[in-house]
């Protein structure tokens, strides 16, 4: 274990280029909620934030069960929008191959949006 090496990757925006699709989903979802905001707002103000942080920015304080329900709806919309475009970022395959050839352990550590309020 003395010289053990590992690489831990985040998923969103690192292994897949999906951040614009999150913003796009928020634009559509906010429109459905009657609180329309431009793409640039979500791109600039919400990157890296959880649904439980973004929804109050749009709607004010909400009970946890409502945050969870609305967050799940937004995530369903995001998955529907992004699914046809799902692909690894350019060069990822060769990077992972090189790391694996060198014996580097690989892992993904990411936030599971389904369990986040």
PDB file of N, CA and C in Angstrom:
ATOM      1  N   UNK A   1       0.812  -1.199   0.000  1.00  0.00           N
ATOM      2  CA  UNK A   1       0.000   0.000   0.000  1.00  0.00           C
ATOM      3  C   UNK A   1       0.858   1.267   0.000  1.00  0.00           C
ATOM      4  N   UNK A   2       2.143   1.141   0.247  1.00  0.00           N
ATOM      5  CA  UNK A   2       3.005   2.303   0.383  1.00  0.00           C
ATOM      6  C   UNK A   2       2.956   3.229  -0.836  1.00  0.00           C
ATOM      7  N   UNK A   3       3.029   2.702  -2.023  1.00  0.00           N
ATOM      8  CA  UNK A   3       3.044   3.523  -3.236  1.00  0.00           C
ATOM      9  C   UNK A   3       1.743   3.420  -4.023  1.00  0.00           C
ATOM     10  N   UNK A   4       0.673   3.145  -3.345  1.00  0.00           N
ATOM     11  CA  UNK A   4      -0.621   3.011  -4.007  1.00  0.00           C
ATOM     12  C   UNK A   4      -1.069   4.358  -4.562  1.00  0.00           C
ATOM     13  N   UNK A   5      -1.516   4.362  -5.797  1.00  0.00           N
ATOM     14  CA  UNK A   5      -1.993   5.594  -6.429  1.00  0.00           C
ATOM     15  C   UNK A   5      -3.421   5.406  -6.880  1.00  0.00           C
ATOM     16  N   UNK A   6      -4.169   6.498  -6.845  1.00  0.00           N
ATOM     17  CA  UNK A   6      -5.570   6.447  -7.255  1.00  0.00           C
ATOM     18  C   UNK A   6      -5.956   7.772  -7.892  1.00  0.00           C
ATOM     19  N   UNK A   7      -6.941   7.720  -8.759  1.00  0.00           N
ATOM     20  CA  UNK A   7      -7.533   8.913  -9.354  1.00  0.00           C
ATOM     21  C   UNK A   7      -9.031   8.841  -9.100  1.00  0.00           C
ATOM     22  N   UNK A   8      -9.564   9.901  -8.525  1.00  0.00           N
ATOM     23  CA  UNK A   8     -10.991   9.970  -8.231  1.00  0.00           C
ATOM     24  C   UNK A   8     -11.571  11.106  -9.067  1.00  0.00           C
ATOM     25  N   UNK A   9     -12.599  10.781  -9.833  1.00  0.00           N
ATOM     26  CA  UNK A   9     -13.209  11.740 -10.749  1.00  0.00           C
ATOM     27  C   UNK A   9     -14.613  12.100 -10.294  1.00  0.00           C
ATOM     28  N   UNK A  10     -14.985  13.344 -10.496  1.00  0.00           N
ATOM     29  CA  UNK A  10     -16.376  13.765 -10.392  1.00  0.00           C
ATOM     30  C   UNK A  10     -17.024  13.414 -11.722  1.00  0.00           C
ATOM     31  N   UNK A  11     -18.317  13.348 -11.764  1.00  0.00           N
ATOM     32  CA  UNK A  11     -19.005  12.988 -13.000  1.00  0.00           C
ATOM     33  C   UNK A  11     -19.399  14.221 -13.809  1.00  0.00           C
ATOM     34  N   UNK A  12     -20.244  15.065 -13.246  1.00  0.00           N
ATOM     35  CA  UNK A  12     -20.801  16.205 -13.978  1.00  0.00           C
ATOM     36  C   UNK A  12     -19.714  17.218 -14.344  1.00  0.00           C
ATOM     37  N   UNK A  13     -19.578  17.457 -15.641  1.00  0.00           N
ATOM     38  CA  UNK A  13     -18.625  18.450 -16.119  1.00  0.00           C
ATOM     39  C   UNK A  13     -17.190  17.964 -16.159  1.00  0.00           C
ATOM     40  N   UNK A  14     -16.942  16.744 -15.707  1.00  0.00           N
ATOM     41  CA  UNK A  14     -15.583  16.195 -15.681  1.00  0.00           C
ATOM     42  C   UNK A  14     -15.476  14.986 -16.602  1.00  0.00           C
ATOM     43  N   UNK A  15     -16.305  13.992 -16.369  1.00  0.00           N
ATOM     44  CA  UNK A  15     -16.311  12.799 -17.212  1.00  0.00           C
ATOM     45  C   UNK A  15     -17.278  12.951 -18.386  1.00  0.00           C
ATOM     46  N   UNK A  16     -18.332  13.707 -18.169  1.00  0.00           N
ATOM     47  CA  UNK A  16     -19.295  14.013 -19.227  1.00  0.00           C
ATOM     48  C   UNK A  16     -19.514  15.524 -19.249  1.00  0.00           C
ATOM     49  N   UNK A  17     -19.724  16.057 -20.433  1.00  0.00           N
ATOM     50  CA  UNK A  17     -19.918  17.496 -20.610  1.00  0.00           C
ATOM     51  C   UNK A  17     -21.411  17.801 -20.585  1.00  0.00           C
ATOM     52  N   UNK A  18     -21.969  17.857 -19.378  1.00  0.00           N
ATOM     53  CA  UNK A  18     -23.417  17.949 -19.236  1.00  0.00           C
ATOM     54  C   UNK A  18     -23.911  19.210 -18.555  1.00  0.00           C
ATOM     55  N   UNK A  19     -23.025  20.095 -18.173  1.00  0.00           N
ATOM     56  CA  UNK A  19     -23.439  21.240 -17.370  1.00  0.00           C
ATOM     57  C   UNK A  19     -24.438  22.145 -18.105  1.00  0.00           C
ATOM     58  N   UNK A  20     -24.253  22.338 -19.399  1.00  0.00           N
ATOM     59  CA  UNK A  20     -25.194  23.170 -20.153  1.00  0.00           C
ATOM     60  C   UNK A  20     -26.589  22.537 -20.162  1.00  0.00           C
ATOM     61  N   UNK A  21     -26.646  21.208 -20.089  1.00  0.00           N
ATOM     62  CA  UNK A  21     -27.946  20.539 -20.077  1.00  0.00           C
ATOM     63  C   UNK A  21     -28.649  20.724 -18.740  1.00  0.00           C
ATOM     64  N   UNK A  22     -27.880  20.809 -17.657  1.00  0.00           N
ATOM     65  CA  UNK A  22     -28.499  21.135 -16.364  1.00  0.00           C
ATOM     66  C   UNK A  22     -29.101  22.537 -16.435  1.00  0.00           C
ATOM     67  N   UNK A  23     -28.347  23.490 -16.974  1.00  0.00           N
ATOM     68  CA  UNK A  23     -28.845  24.863 -17.091  1.00  0.00           C
ATOM     69  C   UNK A  23     -30.088  24.908 -17.983  1.00  0.00           C
ATOM     70  N   UNK A  24     -30.041  24.195 -19.084  1.00  0.00           N
ATOM     71  CA  UNK A  24     -31.184  24.159 -20.008  1.00  0.00           C
ATOM     72  C   UNK A  24     -32.419  23.567 -19.332  1.00  0.00           C
ATOM     73  N   UNK A  25     -32.200  22.511 -18.551  1.00  0.00           N
ATOM     74  CA  UNK A  25     -33.315  21.905 -17.819  1.00  0.00           C
ATOM     75  C   UNK A  25     -33.889  22.903 -16.812  1.00  0.00           C
ATOM     76  N   UNK A  26     -33.021  23.649 -16.149  1.00  0.00           N
ATOM     77  CA  UNK A  26     -33.508  24.658 -15.206  1.00  0.00           C
ATOM     78  C   UNK A  26     -34.300  25.747 -15.909  1.00  0.00           C
ATOM     79  N   UNK A  27     -33.857  26.169 -17.089  1.00  0.00           N
ATOM     80  CA  UNK A  27     -34.596  27.187 -17.840  1.00  0.00           C
ATOM     81  C   UNK A  27     -36.011  26.689 -18.125  1.00  0.00           C
ATOM     82  N   UNK A  28     -36.122  25.480 -18.646  1.00  0.00           N
ATOM     83  CA  UNK A  28     -37.442  24.923 -18.963  1.00  0.00           C
ATOM     84  C   UNK A  28     -38.282  24.710 -17.710  1.00  0.00           C
ATOM     85  N   UNK A  29     -37.643  24.195 -16.665  1.00  0.00           N
ATOM     86  CA  UNK A  29     -38.375  23.915 -15.436  1.00  0.00           C
ATOM     87  C   UNK A  29     -38.846  25.205 -14.775  1.00  0.00           C
ATOM     88  N   UNK A  30     -38.000  26.217 -14.758  1.00  0.00           N
ATOM     89  CA  UNK A  30     -38.406  27.490 -14.147  1.00  0.00           C
ATOM     90  C   UNK A  30     -39.564  28.107 -14.934  1.00  0.00           C
ATOM     91  N   UNK A  31     -39.552  27.939 -16.239  1.00  0.00           N
ATOM     92  CA  UNK A  31     -40.660  28.426 -17.069  1.00  0.00           C
ATOM     93  C   UNK A  31     -41.957  27.709 -16.679  1.00  0.00           C
ATOM     94  N   UNK A  32     -41.875  26.388 -16.500  1.00  0.00           N
ATOM     95  CA  UNK A  32     -43.058  25.618 -16.088  1.00  0.00           C
ATOM     96  C   UNK A  32     -43.582  26.075 -14.726  1.00  0.00           C
ATOM     97  N   UNK A  33     -42.663  26.513 -13.858  1.00  0.00           N
ATOM     98  CA  UNK A  33     -43.047  26.960 -12.518  1.00  0.00           C
ATOM     99  C   UNK A  33     -43.549  28.404 -12.512  1.00  0.00           C
ATOM    100  N   UNK A  34     -43.431  29.078 -13.658  1.00  0.00           N
ATOM    101  CA  UNK A  34     -43.862  30.468 -13.734  1.00  0.00           C
ATOM    102  C   UNK A  34     -42.845  31.455 -13.207  1.00  0.00           C
ATOM    103  N   UNK A  35     -41.595  31.029 -13.086  1.00  0.00           N
ATOM    104  CA  UNK A  35     -40.516  31.883 -12.589  1.00  0.00           C
ATOM    105  C   UNK A  35     -39.351  31.828 -13.565  1.00  0.00           C
ATOM    106  N   UNK A  36     -39.610  32.225 -14.767  1.00  0.00           N
ATOM    107  CA  UNK A  36     -38.634  32.107 -15.851  1.00  0.00           C
ATOM    108  C   UNK A  36     -37.376  32.928 -15.571  1.00  0.00           C
ATOM    109  N   UNK A  37     -36.235  32.283 -15.806  1.00  0.00           N
ATOM    110  CA  UNK A  37     -34.926  32.935 -15.708  1.00  0.00           C
ATOM    111  C   UNK A  37     -34.132  32.557 -16.953  1.00  0.00           C
ATOM    112  N   UNK A  38     -33.224  33.421 -17.390  1.00  0.00           N
ATOM    113  CA  UNK A  38     -32.437  33.121 -18.596  1.00  0.00           C
ATOM    114  C   UNK A  38     -31.376  32.050 -18.342  1.00  0.00           C
ATOM    115  N   UNK A  39     -30.945  31.433 -19.425  1.00  0.00           N
ATOM    116  CA  UNK A  39     -29.900  30.404 -19.381  1.00  0.00           C
ATOM    117  C   UNK A  39     -28.688  30.897 -18.604  1.00  0.00           C
ATOM    118  N   UNK A  40     -28.277  32.140 -18.863  1.00  0.00           N
ATOM    119  CA  UNK A  40     -27.072  32.704 -18.234  1.00  0.00           C
ATOM    120  C   UNK A  40     -27.191  32.745 -16.707  1.00  0.00           C
ATOM    121  N   UNK A  41     -28.393  32.962 -16.208  1.00  0.00           N
ATOM    122  CA  UNK A  41     -28.596  32.951 -14.759  1.00  0.00           C
ATOM    123  C   UNK A  41     -28.211  31.597 -14.186  1.00  0.00           C
ATOM    124  N   UNK A  42     -28.724  30.537 -14.799  1.00  0.00           N
ATOM    125  CA  UNK A  42     -28.445  29.197 -14.282  1.00  0.00           C
ATOM    126  C   UNK A  42     -26.996  28.802 -14.508  1.00  0.00           C
ATOM    127  N   UNK A  43     -26.439  29.197 -15.618  1.00  0.00           N
ATOM    128  CA  UNK A  43     -25.046  28.895 -15.913  1.00  0.00           C
ATOM    129  C   UNK A  43     -24.123  29.583 -14.905  1.00  0.00           C
ATOM    130  N   UNK A  44     -24.432  30.827 -14.566  1.00  0.00           N
ATOM    131  CA  UNK A  44     -23.566  31.640 -13.719  1.00  0.00           C
ATOM    132  C   UNK A  44     -23.859  31.446 -12.222  1.00  0.00           C
ATOM    133  N   UNK A  45     -25.133  31.422 -11.861  1.00  0.00           N
ATOM    134  CA  UNK A  45     -25.513  31.482 -10.449  1.00  0.00           C
ATOM    135  C   UNK A  45     -25.747  30.134  -9.776  1.00  0.00           C
ATOM    136  N   UNK A  46     -25.928  29.072 -10.548  1.00  0.00           N
ATOM    137  CA  UNK A  46     -26.319  27.815  -9.915  1.00  0.00           C
ATOM    138  C   UNK A  46     -25.324  26.678 -10.103  1.00  0.00           C
ATOM    139  N   UNK A  47     -24.275  26.883 -10.876  1.00  0.00           N
ATOM    140  CA  UNK A  47     -23.300  25.811 -11.110  1.00  0.00           C
ATOM    141  C   UNK A  47     -22.750  25.311  -9.775  1.00  0.00           C
ATOM    142  N   UNK A  48     -22.794  24.000  -9.601  1.00  0.00           N
ATOM    143  CA  UNK A  48     -22.266  23.383  -8.386  1.00  0.00           C
ATOM    144  C   UNK A  48     -23.233  23.377  -7.219  1.00  0.00           C
ATOM    145  N   UNK A  49     -24.386  23.978  -7.381  1.00  0.00           N
ATOM    146  CA  UNK A  49     -25.361  24.020  -6.296  1.00  0.00           C
ATOM    147  C   UNK A  49     -26.337  22.854  -6.411  1.00  0.00           C
ATOM    148  N   UNK A  50     -26.900  22.485  -5.268  1.00  0.00           N
ATOM    149  CA  UNK A  50     -27.894  21.416  -5.210  1.00  0.00           C
ATOM    150  C   UNK A  50     -29.280  21.978  -5.506  1.00  0.00           C
ATOM    151  N   UNK A  51     -30.165  21.088  -5.881  1.00  0.00           N
ATOM    152  CA  UNK A  51     -31.556  21.488  -6.122  1.00  0.00           C
ATOM    153  C   UNK A  51     -32.131  22.216  -4.918  1.00  0.00           C
ATOM    154  N   UNK A  52     -31.785  21.756  -3.723  1.00  0.00           N
ATOM    155  CA  UNK A  52     -32.318  22.358  -2.491  1.00  0.00           C
ATOM    156  C   UNK A  52     -31.810  23.780  -2.284  1.00  0.00           C
ATOM    157  N   UNK A  53     -30.757  24.166  -2.993  1.00  0.00           N
ATOM    158  CA  UNK A  53     -30.260  25.543  -2.940  1.00  0.00           C
ATOM    159  C   UNK A  53     -30.854  26.388  -4.076  1.00  0.00           C
ATOM    160  N   UNK A  54     -31.093  25.760  -5.210  1.00  0.00           N
ATOM    161  CA  UNK A  54     -31.569  26.490  -6.394  1.00  0.00           C
ATOM    162  C   UNK A  54     -33.059  26.782  -6.310  1.00  0.00           C
ATOM    163  N   UNK A  55     -33.836  25.808  -5.905  1.00  0.00           N
ATOM    164  CA  UNK A  55     -35.288  26.005  -5.869  1.00  0.00           C
ATOM    165  C   UNK A  55     -35.697  27.193  -4.998  1.00  0.00           C
ATOM    166  N   UNK A  56     -35.133  27.372  -3.807  1.00  0.00           N
ATOM    167  CA  UNK A  56     -35.493  28.565  -3.023  1.00  0.00           C
ATOM    168  C   UNK A  56     -35.073  29.880  -3.701  1.00  0.00           C
ATOM    169  N   UNK A  57     -34.047  29.845  -4.537  1.00  0.00           N
ATOM    170  CA  UNK A  57     -33.672  31.036  -5.292  1.00  0.00           C
ATOM    171  C   UNK A  57     -34.802  31.437  -6.236  1.00  0.00           C
ATOM    172  N   UNK A  58     -35.549  30.451  -6.714  1.00  0.00           N
ATOM    173  CA  UNK A  58     -36.650  30.693  -7.646  1.00  0.00           C
ATOM    174  C   UNK A  58     -37.980  30.932  -6.931  1.00  0.00           C
ATOM    175  N   UNK A  59     -38.226  30.145  -5.886  1.00  0.00           N
ATOM    176  CA  UNK A  59     -39.571  30.091  -5.305  1.00  0.00           C
ATOM    177  C   UNK A  59     -39.661  30.555  -3.859  1.00  0.00           C
ATOM    178  N   UNK A  60     -38.534  30.851  -3.238  1.00  0.00           N
ATOM    179  CA  UNK A  60     -38.545  31.157  -1.815  1.00  0.00           C
ATOM    180  C   UNK A  60     -38.512  29.881  -0.995  1.00  0.00           C
ATOM    181  N   UNK A  61     -38.696  30.025   0.305  1.00  0.00           N
ATOM    182  CA  UNK A  61     -38.626  28.877   1.214  1.00  0.00           C
ATOM    183  C   UNK A  61     -39.733  27.871   0.906  1.00  0.00           C
ATOM    184  N   UNK A  62     -39.344  26.602   0.925  1.00  0.00           N
ATOM    185  CA  UNK A  62     -40.290  25.504   0.658  1.00  0.00           C
ATOM    186  C   UNK A  62     -40.073  24.395   1.678  1.00  0.00           C
ATOM    187  N   UNK A  63     -41.131  23.643   1.996  1.00  0.00           N
ATOM    188  CA  UNK A  63     -40.955  22.481   2.872  1.00  0.00           C
ATOM    189  C   UNK A  63     -40.073  21.425   2.195  1.00  0.00           C
ATOM    190  N   UNK A  64     -39.398  20.630   2.997  1.00  0.00           N
ATOM    191  CA  UNK A  64     -38.480  19.615   2.467  1.00  0.00           C
ATOM    192  C   UNK A  64     -39.142  18.676   1.467  1.00  0.00           C
ATOM    193  N   UNK A  65     -40.378  18.244   1.749  1.00  0.00           N
ATOM    194  CA  UNK A  65     -41.031  17.308   0.829  1.00  0.00           C
ATOM    195  C   UNK A  65     -41.298  17.963  -0.528  1.00  0.00           C
ATOM    196  N   UNK A  66     -41.604  19.263  -0.532  1.00  0.00           N
ATOM    197  CA  UNK A  66     -41.824  19.980  -1.789  1.00  0.00           C
ATOM    198  C   UNK A  66     -40.503  20.172  -2.529  1.00  0.00           C
ATOM    199  N   UNK A  67     -39.428  20.471  -1.797  1.00  0.00           N
ATOM    200  CA  UNK A  67     -38.096  20.575  -2.414  1.00  0.00           C
ATOM    201  C   UNK A  67     -37.719  19.264  -3.080  1.00  0.00           C
ATOM    202  N   UNK A  68     -37.967  18.174  -2.392  1.00  0.00           N
ATOM    203  CA  UNK A  68     -37.629  16.851  -2.917  1.00  0.00           C
ATOM    204  C   UNK A  68     -38.444  16.549  -4.183  1.00  0.00           C
ATOM    205  N   UNK A  69     -39.743  16.802  -4.123  1.00  0.00           N
ATOM    206  CA  UNK A  69     -40.628  16.528  -5.256  1.00  0.00           C
ATOM    207  C   UNK A  69     -40.239  17.370  -6.472  1.00  0.00           C
ATOM    208  N   UNK A  70     -40.039  18.644  -6.288  1.00  0.00           N
ATOM    209  CA  UNK A  70     -39.661  19.520  -7.402  1.00  0.00           C
ATOM    210  C   UNK A  70     -38.268  19.177  -7.922  1.00  0.00           C
ATOM    211  N   UNK A  71     -37.351  18.854  -7.019  1.00  0.00           N
ATOM    212  CA  UNK A  71     -36.005  18.457  -7.438  1.00  0.00           C
ATOM    213  C   UNK A  71     -36.027  17.208  -8.302  1.00  0.00           C
ATOM    214  N   UNK A  72     -36.867  16.248  -7.937  1.00  0.00           N
ATOM    215  CA  UNK A  72     -36.993  15.027  -8.739  1.00  0.00           C
ATOM    216  C   UNK A  72     -37.566  15.337 -10.119  1.00  0.00           C
ATOM    217  N   UNK A  73     -38.525  16.243 -10.180  1.00  0.00           N
ATOM    218  CA  UNK A  73     -39.102  16.625 -11.475  1.00  0.00           C
ATOM    219  C   UNK A  73     -38.043  17.277 -12.362  1.00  0.00           C
ATOM    220  N   UNK A  74     -37.244  18.174 -11.785  1.00  0.00           N
ATOM    221  CA  UNK A  74     -36.199  18.831 -12.569  1.00  0.00           C
ATOM    222  C   UNK A  74     -35.198  17.800 -13.067  1.00  0.00           C
ATOM    223  N   UNK A  75     -34.806  16.852 -12.219  1.00  0.00           N
ATOM    224  CA  UNK A  75     -33.823  15.842 -12.613  1.00  0.00           C
ATOM    225  C   UNK A  75     -34.370  14.936 -13.718  1.00  0.00           C
ATOM    226  N   UNK A  76     -35.654  14.622 -13.678  1.00  0.00           N
ATOM    227  CA  UNK A  76     -36.262  13.828 -14.752  1.00  0.00           C
ATOM    228  C   UNK A  76     -36.175  14.584 -16.076  1.00  0.00           C
ATOM    229  N   UNK A  77     -36.446  15.869 -16.033  1.00  0.00           N
ATOM    230  CA  UNK A  77     -36.350  16.700 -17.237  1.00  0.00           C
ATOM    231  C   UNK A  77     -34.906  16.735 -17.744  1.00  0.00           C
ATOM    232  N   UNK A  78     -33.953  16.947 -16.840  1.00  0.00           N
ATOM    233  CA  UNK A  78     -32.532  16.958 -17.219  1.00  0.00           C
ATOM    234  C   UNK A  78     -32.138  15.649 -17.901  1.00  0.00           C
ATOM    235  N   UNK A  79     -32.499  14.521 -17.311  1.00  0.00           N
ATOM    236  CA  UNK A  79     -32.127  13.218 -17.889  1.00  0.00           C
ATOM    237  C   UNK A  79     -32.729  13.034 -19.276  1.00  0.00           C
ATOM    238  N   UNK A  80     -33.979  13.464 -19.454  1.00  0.00           N
ATOM    239  CA  UNK A  80     -34.620  13.355 -20.763  1.00  0.00           C
ATOM    240  C   UNK A  80     -33.899  14.223 -21.801  1.00  0.00           C
ATOM    241  N   UNK A  81     -33.487  15.423 -21.410  1.00  0.00           N
ATOM    242  CA  UNK A  81     -32.778  16.317 -22.334  1.00  0.00           C
ATOM    243  C   UNK A  81     -31.374  15.814 -22.661  1.00  0.00           C
ATOM    244  N   UNK A  82     -30.679  15.292 -21.666  1.00  0.00           N
ATOM    245  CA  UNK A  82     -29.269  14.932 -21.842  1.00  0.00           C
ATOM    246  C   UNK A  82     -29.059  13.532 -22.411  1.00  0.00           C
ATOM    247  N   UNK A  83     -29.967  12.621 -22.137  1.00  0.00           N
ATOM    248  CA  UNK A  83     -29.786  11.210 -22.536  1.00  0.00           C
ATOM    249  C   UNK A  83     -29.309  11.033 -23.983  1.00  0.00           C
ATOM    250  N   UNK A  84     -29.878  11.726 -24.981  1.00  0.00           N
ATOM    251  CA  UNK A  84     -29.417  11.520 -26.360  1.00  0.00           C
ATOM    252  C   UNK A  84     -27.986  12.024 -26.610  1.00  0.00           C
ATOM    253  N   UNK A  85     -27.454  12.802 -25.685  1.00  0.00           N
ATOM    254  CA  UNK A  85     -26.120  13.402 -25.868  1.00  0.00           C
ATOM    255  C   UNK A  85     -25.066  12.776 -24.954  1.00  0.00           C
ATOM    256  N   UNK A  86     -25.467  11.802 -24.168  1.00  0.00           N
ATOM    257  CA  UNK A  86     -24.566  11.189 -23.193  1.00  0.00           C
ATOM    258  C   UNK A  86     -23.335  10.608 -23.880  1.00  0.00           C
ATOM    259  N   UNK A  87     -22.173  11.138 -23.528  1.00  0.00           N
ATOM    260  CA  UNK A  87     -20.905  10.670 -24.099  1.00  0.00           C
ATOM    261  C   UNK A  87     -19.775  11.152 -23.198  1.00  0.00           C
ATOM    262  N   UNK A  88     -18.683  10.397 -23.125  1.00  0.00           N
ATOM    263  CA  UNK A  88     -17.540  10.859 -22.331  1.00  0.00           C
ATOM    264  C   UNK A  88     -16.891  12.085 -22.972  1.00  0.00           C
ATOM    265  N   UNK A  89     -16.242  12.907 -22.144  1.00  0.00           N
ATOM    266  CA  UNK A  89     -15.537  14.068 -22.678  1.00  0.00           C
ATOM    267  C   UNK A  89     -14.395  13.594 -23.576  1.00  0.00           C
ATOM    268  N   UNK A  90     -14.020  14.444 -24.512  1.00  0.00           N
ATOM    269  CA  UNK A  90     -12.943  14.106 -25.457  1.00  0.00           C
ATOM    270  C   UNK A  90     -11.668  13.758 -24.702  1.00  0.00           C
ATOM    271  N   UNK A  91     -11.070  12.655 -25.094  1.00  0.00           N
ATOM    272  CA  UNK A  91      -9.803  12.227 -24.504  1.00  0.00           C
ATOM    273  C   UNK A  91      -9.921  11.399 -23.245  1.00  0.00           C
ATOM    274  N   UNK A  92     -11.115  11.256 -22.720  1.00  0.00           N
ATOM    275  CA  UNK A  92     -11.276  10.517 -21.471  1.00  0.00           C
ATOM    276  C   UNK A  92     -10.849   9.063 -21.602  1.00  0.00           C
ATOM    277  N   UNK A  93     -11.251   8.422 -22.677  1.00  0.00           N
ATOM    278  CA  UNK A  93     -10.894   7.007 -22.848  1.00  0.00           C
ATOM    279  C   UNK A  93      -9.391   6.780 -22.810  1.00  0.00           C
ATOM    280  N   UNK A  94      -8.635   7.588 -23.536  1.00  0.00           N
ATOM    281  CA  UNK A  94      -7.182   7.401 -23.550  1.00  0.00           C
ATOM    282  C   UNK A  94      -6.568   7.737 -22.193  1.00  0.00           C
ATOM    283  N   UNK A  95      -7.085   8.742 -21.502  1.00  0.00           N
ATOM    284  CA  UNK A  95      -6.582   9.052 -20.158  1.00  0.00           C
ATOM    285  C   UNK A  95      -6.814   7.885 -19.220  1.00  0.00           C
ATOM    286  N   UNK A  96      -8.016   7.334 -19.218  1.00  0.00           N
ATOM    287  CA  UNK A  96      -8.311   6.203 -18.338  1.00  0.00           C
ATOM    288  C   UNK A  96      -7.453   4.991 -18.688  1.00  0.00           C
ATOM    289  N   UNK A  97      -7.246   4.760 -19.976  1.00  0.00           N
ATOM    290  CA  UNK A  97      -6.374   3.648 -20.400  1.00  0.00           C
ATOM    291  C   UNK A  97      -4.956   3.835 -19.864  1.00  0.00           C
ATOM    292  N   UNK A  98      -4.416   5.036 -19.988  1.00  0.00           N
ATOM    293  CA  UNK A  98      -3.054   5.303 -19.508  1.00  0.00           C
ATOM    294  C   UNK A  98      -2.949   5.137 -17.997  1.00  0.00           C
ATOM    295  N   UNK A  99      -3.934   5.634 -17.279  1.00  0.00           N
ATOM    296  CA  UNK A  99      -3.920   5.479 -15.822  1.00  0.00           C
ATOM    297  C   UNK A  99      -3.999   4.008 -15.432  1.00  0.00           C
ATOM    298  N   UNK A 100      -4.860   3.270 -16.110  1.00  0.00           N
ATOM    299  CA  UNK A 100      -5.010   1.849 -15.811  1.00  0.00           C
ATOM    300  C   UNK A 100      -3.720   1.090 -16.120  1.00  0.00           C
ATOM    301  N   UNK A 101      -3.069   1.406 -17.231  1.00  0.00           N
ATOM    302  CA  UNK A 101      -1.792   0.766 -17.583  1.00  0.00           C
ATOM    303  C   UNK A 101      -0.737   0.998 -16.506  1.00  0.00           C
ATOM    304  N   UNK A 102      -0.813   2.121 -15.835  1.00  0.00           N
ATOM    305  CA  UNK A 102       0.160   2.454 -14.780  1.00  0.00           C
ATOM    306  C   UNK A 102      -0.261   1.925 -13.402  1.00  0.00           C
ATOM    307  N   UNK A 103      -1.353   1.190 -13.379  1.00  0.00           N
ATOM    308  CA  UNK A 103      -1.800   0.588 -12.129  1.00  0.00           C
ATOM    309  C   UNK A 103      -2.508   1.552 -11.194  1.00  0.00           C
ATOM    310  N   UNK A 104      -2.983   2.656 -11.708  1.00  0.00           N
ATOM    311  CA  UNK A 104      -3.685   3.633 -10.878  1.00  0.00           C
ATOM    312  C   UNK A 104      -5.131   3.157 -10.685  1.00  0.00           C
ATOM    313  N   UNK A 105      -5.546   3.074  -9.438  1.00  0.00           N
ATOM    314  CA  UNK A 105      -6.922   2.707  -9.135  1.00  0.00           C
ATOM    315  C   UNK A 105      -7.828   3.862  -9.551  1.00  0.00           C
ATOM    316  N   UNK A 106      -8.988   3.546 -10.100  1.00  0.00           N
ATOM    317  CA  UNK A 106      -9.907   4.558 -10.610  1.00  0.00           C
ATOM    318  C   UNK A 106     -11.239   4.484  -9.881  1.00  0.00           C
ATOM    319  N   UNK A 107     -11.828   5.656  -9.624  1.00  0.00           N
ATOM    320  CA  UNK A 107     -13.129   5.708  -8.962  1.00  0.00           C
ATOM    321  C   UNK A 107     -13.865   6.977  -9.387  1.00  0.00           C
ATOM    322  N   UNK A 108     -15.167   6.909  -9.242  1.00  0.00           N
ATOM    323  CA  UNK A 108     -16.013   8.082  -9.453  1.00  0.00           C
ATOM    324  C   UNK A 108     -16.647   8.412  -8.104  1.00  0.00           C
ATOM    325  N   UNK A 109     -16.526   9.649  -7.711  1.00  0.00           N
ATOM    326  CA  UNK A 109     -17.176  10.139  -6.494  1.00  0.00           C
ATOM    327  C   UNK A 109     -18.024  11.319  -6.926  1.00  0.00           C
ATOM    328  N   UNK A 110     -19.325  11.141  -6.861  1.00  0.00           N
ATOM    329  CA  UNK A 110     -20.210  12.199  -7.329  1.00  0.00           C
ATOM    330  C   UNK A 110     -21.422  12.270  -6.435  1.00  0.00           C
ATOM    331  N   UNK A 111     -22.129  13.353  -6.520  1.00  0.00           N
ATOM    332  CA  UNK A 111     -23.325  13.564  -5.735  1.00  0.00           C
ATOM    333  C   UNK A 111     -24.486  12.847  -6.393  1.00  0.00           C
ATOM    334  N   UNK A 112     -25.163  12.017  -5.637  1.00  0.00           N
ATOM    335  CA  UNK A 112     -26.337  11.315  -6.143  1.00  0.00           C
ATOM    336  C   UNK A 112     -27.526  12.244  -6.014  1.00  0.00           C
ATOM    337  N   UNK A 113     -27.895  12.879  -7.127  1.00  0.00           N
ATOM    338  CA  UNK A 113     -28.963  13.885  -7.125  1.00  0.00           C
ATOM    339  C   UNK A 113     -30.310  13.309  -6.675  1.00  0.00           C
ATOM    340  N   UNK A 114     -30.523  12.012  -6.840  1.00  0.00           N
ATOM    341  CA  UNK A 114     -31.795  11.428  -6.467  1.00  0.00           C
ATOM    342  C   UNK A 114     -31.989  11.461  -4.953  1.00  0.00           C
ATOM    343  N   UNK A 115     -30.875  11.413  -4.199  1.00  0.00           N
ATOM    344  CA  UNK A 115     -31.004  11.390  -2.747  1.00  0.00           C
ATOM    345  C   UNK A 115     -30.837  12.776  -2.145  1.00  0.00           C
ATOM    346  N   UNK A 116     -30.662  13.769  -2.962  1.00  0.00           N
ATOM    347  CA  UNK A 116     -30.465  15.119  -2.459  1.00  0.00           C
ATOM    348  C   UNK A 116     -31.783  15.870  -2.508  1.00  0.00           C
ATOM    349  N   UNK A 117     -32.047  16.563  -1.444  1.00  0.00           N
ATOM    350  CA  UNK A 117     -33.263  17.380  -1.401  1.00  0.00           C
ATOM    351  C   UNK A 117     -33.116  18.515  -2.381  1.00  0.00           C
TER     352      UNK A 117
END
